[in-house]
Amino acid sequence: MIILGKNRELLSGDNPPSLPEFMNKHYIPALPGGKSLVVPDGWSQRVLQEGRAVILLAGSDEVPLI
């Protein structure tokens, strides 16, 4: 689950990351043990495009509309 309020500044900035970029650079490393995980290049993009991922967003009321 991506908690938007914890990432408010990043996601509401001038140049927010794409969802795959956010997953690879911010979300996965923040998971318990995530810093030691090795994510293959293109993995996030691939699982999203193939429909093999479920993305839960919490706190959409905490991030301003752009």
C-alpha atoms as a PDB file:
ATOM      1  CA  MET A   1       0.000   0.000   0.000  1.00  0.00           C
ATOM      2  CA  ILE A   2       1.370   3.372  -0.971  1.00  0.00           C
ATOM      3  CA  ILE A   3       0.636   5.908   1.761  1.00  0.00           C
ATOM      4  CA  LEU A   4       0.451   9.175  -0.092  1.00  0.00           C
ATOM      5  CA  GLY A   5       0.701  11.422   2.985  1.00  0.00           C
ATOM      6  CA  LYS A   6       4.168  10.052   3.783  1.00  0.00           C
ATOM      7  CA  ASN A   7       5.295  10.966   0.273  1.00  0.00           C
ATOM      8  CA  ARG A   8       3.363  14.200  -0.100  1.00  0.00           C
ATOM      9  CA  GLU A   9       6.288  16.475  -0.891  1.00  0.00           C
ATOM     10  CA  LEU A  10       7.794  14.081  -3.408  1.00  0.00           C
ATOM     11  CA  LEU A  11       4.510  13.360  -5.186  1.00  0.00           C
ATOM     12  CA  SER A  12       3.218  16.922  -5.255  1.00  0.00           C
ATOM     13  CA  GLY A  13       6.481  18.546  -6.343  1.00  0.00           C
ATOM     14  CA  ASP A  14       7.263  20.105  -9.704  1.00  0.00           C
ATOM     15  CA  ASN A  15       8.539  16.854 -11.214  1.00  0.00           C
ATOM     16  CA  PRO A  16       6.891  13.882  -9.475  1.00  0.00           C
ATOM     17  CA  PRO A  17       8.199  10.416 -10.371  1.00  0.00           C
ATOM     18  CA  SER A  18       6.233   7.996 -12.516  1.00  0.00           C
ATOM     19  CA  LEU A  19       4.652   5.100 -10.633  1.00  0.00           C
ATOM     20  CA  PRO A  20       7.359   2.595 -11.701  1.00  0.00           C
ATOM     21  CA  GLU A  21      10.098   5.075 -10.773  1.00  0.00           C
ATOM     22  CA  PHE A  22       8.452   5.736  -7.402  1.00  0.00           C
ATOM     23  CA  MET A  23       8.203   2.005  -6.723  1.00  0.00           C
ATOM     24  CA  ASN A  24      11.864   1.343  -7.568  1.00  0.00           C
ATOM     25  CA  LYS A  25      13.494   4.385  -5.985  1.00  0.00           C
ATOM     26  CA  HIS A  26      11.279   5.151  -3.000  1.00  0.00           C
ATOM     27  CA  TYR A  27       8.692   2.492  -2.115  1.00  0.00           C
ATOM     28  CA  ILE A  28      10.658  -0.764  -2.364  1.00  0.00           C
ATOM     29  CA  PRO A  29      13.747   0.585  -0.529  1.00  0.00           C
ATOM     30  CA  ALA A  30      11.471   1.783   2.315  1.00  0.00           C
ATOM     31  CA  LEU A  31      10.057  -1.714   2.896  1.00  0.00           C
ATOM     32  CA  PRO A  32      11.489  -3.790   5.758  1.00  0.00           C
ATOM     33  CA  GLY A  33      14.644  -5.277   4.248  1.00  0.00           C
ATOM     34  CA  GLY A  34      13.995  -3.309   1.072  1.00  0.00           C
ATOM     35  CA  LYS A  35      17.440  -1.765   0.877  1.00  0.00           C
ATOM     36  CA  SER A  36      18.920  -5.229   0.358  1.00  0.00           C
ATOM     37  CA  LEU A  37      16.417  -6.238  -2.344  1.00  0.00           C
ATOM     38  CA  VAL A  38      17.682  -6.359  -5.908  1.00  0.00           C
ATOM     39  CA  VAL A  39      14.928  -5.323  -8.302  1.00  0.00           C
ATOM     40  CA  PRO A  40      15.613  -6.264 -11.943  1.00  0.00           C
ATOM     41  CA  ASP A  41      15.653  -3.399 -14.440  1.00  0.00           C
ATOM     42  CA  GLY A  42      12.174  -2.709 -15.762  1.00  0.00           C
ATOM     43  CA  TRP A  43      10.468  -4.977 -13.215  1.00  0.00           C
ATOM     44  CA  SER A  44       7.985  -2.394 -11.887  1.00  0.00           C
ATOM     45  CA  GLN A  45       7.052  -1.213 -15.375  1.00  0.00           C
ATOM     46  CA  ARG A  46       6.624  -4.802 -16.559  1.00  0.00           C
ATOM     47  CA  VAL A  47       4.363  -5.992 -13.716  1.00  0.00           C
ATOM     48  CA  LEU A  48       2.205  -2.879 -14.069  1.00  0.00           C
ATOM     49  CA  GLN A  49       1.869  -3.226 -17.851  1.00  0.00           C
ATOM     50  CA  GLU A  50       1.091  -6.944 -17.595  1.00  0.00           C
ATOM     51  CA  GLY A  51      -1.610  -6.330 -14.983  1.00  0.00           C
ATOM     52  CA  ARG A  52       0.198  -8.388 -12.336  1.00  0.00           C
ATOM     53  CA  ALA A  53       0.222  -5.666  -9.678  1.00  0.00           C
ATOM     54  CA  VAL A  54      -2.400  -4.280  -7.347  1.00  0.00           C
ATOM     55  CA  ILE A  55      -1.743  -0.733  -6.226  1.00  0.00           C
ATOM     56  CA  LEU A  56      -3.542   0.491  -3.119  1.00  0.00           C
ATOM     57  CA  LEU A  57      -3.379   4.222  -2.499  1.00  0.00           C
ATOM     58  CA  ALA A  58      -4.106   5.567   0.968  1.00  0.00           C
ATOM     59  CA  GLY A  59      -4.451   9.241   1.772  1.00  0.00           C
ATOM     60  CA  SER A  60      -5.463  10.663  -1.588  1.00  0.00           C
ATOM     61  CA  ASP A  61      -7.155  13.454   0.384  1.00  0.00           C
ATOM     62  CA  GLU A  62      -3.730  14.431   1.781  1.00  0.00           C
ATOM     63  CA  VAL A  63      -2.081  15.230  -1.559  1.00  0.00           C
ATOM     64  CA  PRO A  64      -3.182  18.410  -3.349  1.00  0.00           C
ATOM     65  CA  LEU A  65      -4.624  18.157  -6.831  1.00  0.00           C
ATOM     66  CA  ILE A  66      -2.188  19.205  -9.522  1.00  0.00           C
END
